[in-house]
Amino acid sequence: MKIIKKNRIFKVGNNIKLNNVADIYLKSNELITLKDKKKEFDITKKSWGYYATPSIDKRLNKNGYLTAIIKNKDTKNIFVVLVDKNKKKLFLKYIKKENIKVLKWLYE
């Protein structure tokens, strides 16, 4: 694994600023775990690509995340998102403001 620290701020959506803090380069069969308080999820590099999340129906659910496929109505871009179960109302407010549609909740 190689980590290159960054400090680049840029705008996305309706006046949202993101701060790119690092690039992480993984080799095949390496895994990183991203943590937020008591919640976590993994990204695993494989020779054929990536496991972008742990199992949606078990580990993500156990760690308090709901998974959805969303589409930006303006740009037509499609994303997979992990929504904190305790912050679903905040997420719904966000997607309304950003003109985003939930195509499918993957936990249903």
N, C-alpha and C. Protein backbone atom coordinates (compact mmCIF):
# COMPACT_ATOMS: atom_id res chain seq x y z
N MET A 1 0.84 -1.18 0.00
CA MET A 1 0.00 0.00 0.00
C MET A 1 0.88 1.24 0.00
N LYS A 2 0.44 2.23 -0.76
CA LYS A 2 1.14 3.51 -0.82
C LYS A 2 0.12 4.62 -0.58
N ILE A 3 0.45 5.55 0.32
CA ILE A 3 -0.44 6.67 0.62
C ILE A 3 0.27 7.96 0.23
N ILE A 4 -0.41 8.76 -0.56
CA ILE A 4 0.10 10.08 -0.93
C ILE A 4 -0.86 11.11 -0.33
N LYS A 5 -0.38 11.90 0.62
CA LYS A 5 -1.22 12.91 1.25
C LYS A 5 -1.48 14.05 0.28
N LYS A 6 -2.70 14.58 0.35
CA LYS A 6 -3.13 15.68 -0.52
C LYS A 6 -3.79 16.75 0.33
N ASN A 7 -3.99 17.89 -0.26
CA ASN A 7 -4.78 18.95 0.37
C ASN A 7 -5.39 19.79 -0.74
N ARG A 8 -6.36 19.19 -1.44
CA ARG A 8 -7.01 19.87 -2.56
C ARG A 8 -8.49 20.01 -2.24
N ILE A 9 -9.00 21.23 -2.31
CA ILE A 9 -10.40 21.50 -2.06
C ILE A 9 -11.06 21.86 -3.39
N PHE A 10 -12.24 21.26 -3.63
CA PHE A 10 -12.96 21.56 -4.86
C PHE A 10 -14.46 21.50 -4.62
N LYS A 11 -15.22 22.12 -5.52
CA LYS A 11 -16.68 22.19 -5.41
C LYS A 11 -17.34 21.09 -6.22
N VAL A 12 -18.43 20.56 -5.67
CA VAL A 12 -19.29 19.63 -6.39
C VAL A 12 -20.74 20.00 -6.09
N GLY A 13 -21.64 19.59 -6.95
CA GLY A 13 -23.06 19.83 -6.70
C GLY A 13 -23.39 21.28 -6.47
N ASN A 14 -24.35 21.52 -5.60
CA ASN A 14 -24.82 22.87 -5.30
C ASN A 14 -24.01 23.47 -4.16
N ASN A 15 -22.78 23.89 -4.48
CA ASN A 15 -21.95 24.60 -3.52
C ASN A 15 -21.43 23.73 -2.38
N ILE A 16 -21.15 22.47 -2.64
CA ILE A 16 -20.56 21.57 -1.66
C ILE A 16 -19.06 21.54 -1.89
N LYS A 17 -18.28 21.69 -0.82
CA LYS A 17 -16.82 21.64 -0.94
C LYS A 17 -16.31 20.30 -0.41
N LEU A 18 -15.47 19.65 -1.20
CA LEU A 18 -14.81 18.41 -0.78
C LEU A 18 -13.33 18.68 -0.59
N ASN A 19 -12.74 18.01 0.38
CA ASN A 19 -11.31 18.13 0.63
C ASN A 19 -10.66 16.78 0.35
N ASN A 20 -9.90 16.69 -0.73
CA ASN A 20 -9.18 15.47 -1.07
C ASN A 20 -7.93 15.42 -0.19
N VAL A 21 -7.91 14.49 0.78
CA VAL A 21 -6.82 14.45 1.76
C VAL A 21 -5.74 13.43 1.44
N ALA A 22 -6.05 12.41 0.61
CA ALA A 22 -5.02 11.40 0.30
C ALA A 22 -5.44 10.54 -0.88
N ASP A 23 -4.45 10.01 -1.56
CA ASP A 23 -4.63 8.95 -2.55
C ASP A 23 -4.01 7.69 -1.95
N ILE A 24 -4.73 6.58 -2.05
CA ILE A 24 -4.23 5.31 -1.53
C ILE A 24 -4.14 4.32 -2.68
N TYR A 25 -2.97 3.75 -2.86
CA TYR A 25 -2.74 2.76 -3.90
C TYR A 25 -2.62 1.39 -3.23
N LEU A 26 -3.52 0.47 -3.61
CA LEU A 26 -3.50 -0.87 -3.04
C LEU A 26 -3.00 -1.88 -4.07
N LYS A 27 -2.36 -2.94 -3.57
CA LYS A 27 -2.00 -4.08 -4.39
C LYS A 27 -3.11 -5.12 -4.26
N SER A 28 -3.14 -6.10 -5.17
CA SER A 28 -4.15 -7.15 -5.11
C SER A 28 -4.17 -7.81 -3.74
N ASN A 29 -5.37 -8.06 -3.25
CA ASN A 29 -5.64 -8.71 -1.97
C ASN A 29 -5.25 -7.87 -0.76
N GLU A 30 -5.14 -6.56 -0.95
CA GLU A 30 -4.97 -5.65 0.18
C GLU A 30 -6.33 -5.01 0.48
N LEU A 31 -6.55 -4.74 1.75
CA LEU A 31 -7.82 -4.21 2.22
C LEU A 31 -7.57 -3.00 3.10
N ILE A 32 -8.41 -1.98 2.96
CA ILE A 32 -8.38 -0.86 3.91
C ILE A 32 -9.76 -0.79 4.57
N THR A 33 -9.78 -0.38 5.82
CA THR A 33 -11.02 -0.22 6.57
C THR A 33 -11.17 1.25 6.90
N LEU A 34 -12.29 1.84 6.50
CA LEU A 34 -12.60 3.22 6.83
C LEU A 34 -13.52 3.21 8.04
N LYS A 35 -13.19 4.03 9.03
CA LYS A 35 -13.93 4.01 10.29
C LYS A 35 -14.45 5.40 10.63
N ASP A 36 -15.62 5.39 11.27
CA ASP A 36 -16.24 6.60 11.78
C ASP A 36 -16.90 6.24 13.11
N LYS A 37 -16.28 6.61 14.20
CA LYS A 37 -16.73 6.25 15.54
C LYS A 37 -16.80 4.74 15.64
N LYS A 38 -18.01 4.16 15.74
CA LYS A 38 -18.13 2.71 15.90
C LYS A 38 -18.49 2.00 14.60
N LYS A 39 -18.64 2.76 13.51
CA LYS A 39 -19.02 2.17 12.23
C LYS A 39 -17.80 2.04 11.33
N GLU A 40 -17.87 1.06 10.42
CA GLU A 40 -16.74 0.86 9.51
C GLU A 40 -17.19 0.18 8.23
N PHE A 41 -16.39 0.33 7.18
CA PHE A 41 -16.57 -0.47 5.97
C PHE A 41 -15.23 -0.62 5.28
N ASP A 42 -15.15 -1.68 4.47
CA ASP A 42 -13.89 -2.06 3.84
C ASP A 42 -13.92 -1.84 2.34
N ILE A 43 -12.74 -1.64 1.78
CA ILE A 43 -12.51 -1.65 0.34
C ILE A 43 -11.36 -2.63 0.12
N THR A 44 -11.56 -3.58 -0.80
CA THR A 44 -10.55 -4.61 -1.04
C THR A 44 -10.15 -4.60 -2.51
N LYS A 45 -8.85 -4.54 -2.78
CA LYS A 45 -8.32 -4.60 -4.14
C LYS A 45 -8.15 -6.06 -4.54
N LYS A 46 -8.64 -6.41 -5.71
CA LYS A 46 -8.48 -7.75 -6.27
C LYS A 46 -7.77 -7.61 -7.62
N SER A 47 -7.27 -8.70 -8.16
CA SER A 47 -6.59 -8.65 -9.46
C SER A 47 -7.54 -8.21 -10.58
N TRP A 48 -8.83 -8.44 -10.40
CA TRP A 48 -9.84 -8.12 -11.42
C TRP A 48 -10.54 -6.78 -11.16
N GLY A 49 -10.27 -6.12 -10.04
CA GLY A 49 -10.92 -4.86 -9.70
C GLY A 49 -11.00 -4.67 -8.19
N TYR A 50 -12.20 -4.31 -7.67
CA TYR A 50 -12.37 -4.03 -6.25
C TYR A 50 -13.68 -4.60 -5.70
N TYR A 51 -13.65 -4.99 -4.46
CA TYR A 51 -14.86 -5.07 -3.66
C TYR A 51 -14.97 -3.68 -3.05
N ALA A 52 -15.97 -2.92 -3.49
CA ALA A 52 -16.10 -1.54 -3.04
C ALA A 52 -16.72 -1.42 -1.66
N THR A 53 -17.41 -2.46 -1.20
CA THR A 53 -18.01 -2.46 0.13
C THR A 53 -17.98 -3.87 0.69
N PRO A 54 -18.16 -4.00 2.00
CA PRO A 54 -18.40 -5.34 2.57
C PRO A 54 -19.78 -5.82 2.11
N SER A 55 -20.20 -6.97 2.59
CA SER A 55 -21.52 -7.48 2.21
C SER A 55 -22.61 -6.49 2.61
N ILE A 56 -23.48 -6.19 1.67
CA ILE A 56 -24.53 -5.20 1.88
C ILE A 56 -25.56 -5.70 2.89
N ASP A 57 -25.90 -6.97 2.79
CA ASP A 57 -26.96 -7.51 3.63
C ASP A 57 -26.50 -7.88 5.04
N LYS A 58 -25.20 -8.04 5.25
CA LYS A 58 -24.73 -8.44 6.58
C LYS A 58 -23.87 -7.36 7.24
N ARG A 59 -22.61 -7.22 6.80
CA ARG A 59 -21.68 -6.33 7.53
C ARG A 59 -22.08 -4.87 7.47
N LEU A 60 -22.48 -4.36 6.30
CA LEU A 60 -22.88 -2.96 6.26
C LEU A 60 -24.11 -2.73 7.13
N ASN A 61 -25.06 -3.61 7.03
CA ASN A 61 -26.26 -3.50 7.86
C ASN A 61 -25.90 -3.56 9.35
N LYS A 62 -25.02 -4.50 9.72
CA LYS A 62 -24.58 -4.63 11.11
C LYS A 62 -23.87 -3.36 11.60
N ASN A 63 -23.16 -2.69 10.70
CA ASN A 63 -22.45 -1.46 11.06
C ASN A 63 -23.31 -0.21 10.92
N GLY A 64 -24.60 -0.39 10.65
CA GLY A 64 -25.52 0.74 10.66
C GLY A 64 -25.65 1.50 9.36
N TYR A 65 -25.35 0.86 8.24
CA TYR A 65 -25.46 1.53 6.95
C TYR A 65 -26.54 0.92 6.08
N LEU A 66 -27.23 1.77 5.34
CA LEU A 66 -28.17 1.38 4.30
C LEU A 66 -27.49 1.67 2.96
N THR A 67 -27.70 0.81 1.99
CA THR A 67 -27.04 0.98 0.69
C THR A 67 -28.09 1.33 -0.36
N ALA A 68 -27.73 2.28 -1.23
CA ALA A 68 -28.65 2.68 -2.29
C ALA A 68 -27.89 2.99 -3.57
N ILE A 69 -28.58 2.85 -4.68
CA ILE A 69 -28.08 3.32 -5.97
C ILE A 69 -28.86 4.58 -6.28
N ILE A 70 -28.13 5.67 -6.55
CA ILE A 70 -28.77 6.96 -6.81
C ILE A 70 -28.34 7.51 -8.16
N LYS A 71 -29.13 8.43 -8.68
CA LYS A 71 -28.81 9.06 -9.97
C LYS A 71 -29.03 10.56 -9.87
N ASN A 72 -28.02 11.32 -10.28
CA ASN A 72 -28.14 12.77 -10.35
C ASN A 72 -28.99 13.09 -11.58
N LYS A 73 -30.12 13.75 -11.37
CA LYS A 73 -31.04 14.03 -12.47
C LYS A 73 -30.46 15.02 -13.49
N ASP A 74 -29.54 15.88 -13.04
CA ASP A 74 -28.96 16.87 -13.95
C ASP A 74 -27.84 16.27 -14.80
N THR A 75 -26.89 15.61 -14.16
CA THR A 75 -25.72 15.09 -14.88
C THR A 75 -25.93 13.67 -15.39
N LYS A 76 -26.96 13.00 -14.88
CA LYS A 76 -27.27 11.59 -15.23
C LYS A 76 -26.24 10.62 -14.66
N ASN A 77 -25.32 11.07 -13.79
CA ASN A 77 -24.34 10.19 -13.16
C ASN A 77 -25.01 9.30 -12.12
N ILE A 78 -24.54 8.05 -12.03
CA ILE A 78 -25.09 7.08 -11.09
C ILE A 78 -24.03 6.74 -10.05
N PHE A 79 -24.46 6.64 -8.78
CA PHE A 79 -23.56 6.38 -7.66
C PHE A 79 -24.13 5.31 -6.75
N VAL A 80 -23.26 4.61 -6.03
CA VAL A 80 -23.65 3.75 -4.92
C VAL A 80 -23.29 4.50 -3.66
N VAL A 81 -24.25 4.63 -2.74
CA VAL A 81 -24.01 5.36 -1.50
C VAL A 81 -24.31 4.49 -0.29
N LEU A 82 -23.64 4.80 0.80
CA LEU A 82 -23.88 4.17 2.09
C LEU A 82 -24.46 5.25 3.00
N VAL A 83 -25.65 5.01 3.51
CA VAL A 83 -26.36 6.00 4.32
C VAL A 83 -26.43 5.51 5.76
N ASP A 84 -25.96 6.32 6.69
CA ASP A 84 -26.08 6.01 8.11
C ASP A 84 -27.56 5.85 8.44
N LYS A 85 -27.92 4.72 9.02
CA LYS A 85 -29.33 4.44 9.35
C LYS A 85 -29.95 5.55 10.20
N ASN A 86 -29.15 6.13 11.07
CA ASN A 86 -29.64 7.19 11.97
C ASN A 86 -29.74 8.55 11.29
N LYS A 87 -29.28 8.64 10.04
CA LYS A 87 -29.27 9.93 9.34
C LYS A 87 -30.00 9.86 8.01
N LYS A 88 -30.94 8.95 7.88
CA LYS A 88 -31.67 8.78 6.63
C LYS A 88 -32.46 10.04 6.26
N LYS A 89 -33.08 10.72 7.26
CA LYS A 89 -33.82 11.95 6.98
C LYS A 89 -32.90 13.03 6.42
N LEU A 90 -31.69 13.14 6.98
CA LEU A 90 -30.71 14.10 6.48
C LEU A 90 -30.32 13.77 5.04
N PHE A 91 -30.14 12.48 4.74
CA PHE A 91 -29.82 12.04 3.38
C PHE A 91 -30.96 12.40 2.42
N LEU A 92 -32.20 12.16 2.81
CA LEU A 92 -33.34 12.47 1.94
C LEU A 92 -33.45 13.97 1.66
N LYS A 93 -33.13 14.78 2.66
CA LYS A 93 -33.10 16.24 2.47
C LYS A 93 -31.98 16.62 1.48
N TYR A 94 -30.82 15.98 1.63
CA TYR A 94 -29.67 16.23 0.75
C TYR A 94 -30.00 15.88 -0.71
N ILE A 95 -30.59 14.71 -0.95
CA ILE A 95 -30.83 14.33 -2.35
C ILE A 95 -31.90 15.20 -3.00
N LYS A 96 -32.83 15.70 -2.19
CA LYS A 96 -33.84 16.63 -2.74
C LYS A 96 -33.16 17.93 -3.17
N LYS A 97 -32.29 18.45 -2.31
CA LYS A 97 -31.59 19.70 -2.61
C LYS A 97 -30.67 19.56 -3.82
N GLU A 98 -30.03 18.39 -3.97
CA GLU A 98 -29.06 18.17 -5.05
C GLU A 98 -29.69 17.59 -6.31
N ASN A 99 -31.02 17.46 -6.34
CA ASN A 99 -31.73 16.94 -7.51
C ASN A 99 -31.29 15.52 -7.86
N ILE A 100 -31.31 14.67 -6.85
CA ILE A 100 -30.88 13.28 -6.98
C ILE A 100 -32.08 12.37 -6.71
N LYS A 101 -32.13 11.26 -7.43
CA LYS A 101 -33.20 10.28 -7.29
C LYS A 101 -32.62 8.96 -6.81
N VAL A 102 -33.29 8.32 -5.85
CA VAL A 102 -32.91 6.97 -5.43
C VAL A 102 -33.48 6.00 -6.46
N LEU A 103 -32.58 5.29 -7.14
CA LEU A 103 -33.03 4.29 -8.11
C LEU A 103 -33.45 3.00 -7.40
N LYS A 104 -32.69 2.64 -6.36
CA LYS A 104 -32.98 1.39 -5.66
C LYS A 104 -32.29 1.38 -4.31
N TRP A 105 -33.04 1.09 -3.25
CA TRP A 105 -32.47 0.76 -1.96
C TRP A 105 -32.08 -0.70 -2.02
N LEU A 106 -30.86 -1.05 -1.69
CA LEU A 106 -30.38 -2.42 -1.83
C LEU A 106 -30.62 -3.28 -0.61
N TYR A 107 -31.19 -2.72 0.43
CA TYR A 107 -31.46 -3.51 1.63
C TYR A 107 -32.88 -4.04 1.65
N GLU A 108 -33.72 -3.57 0.72
CA GLU A 108 -35.14 -3.96 0.70
C GLU A 108 -35.31 -5.34 0.09
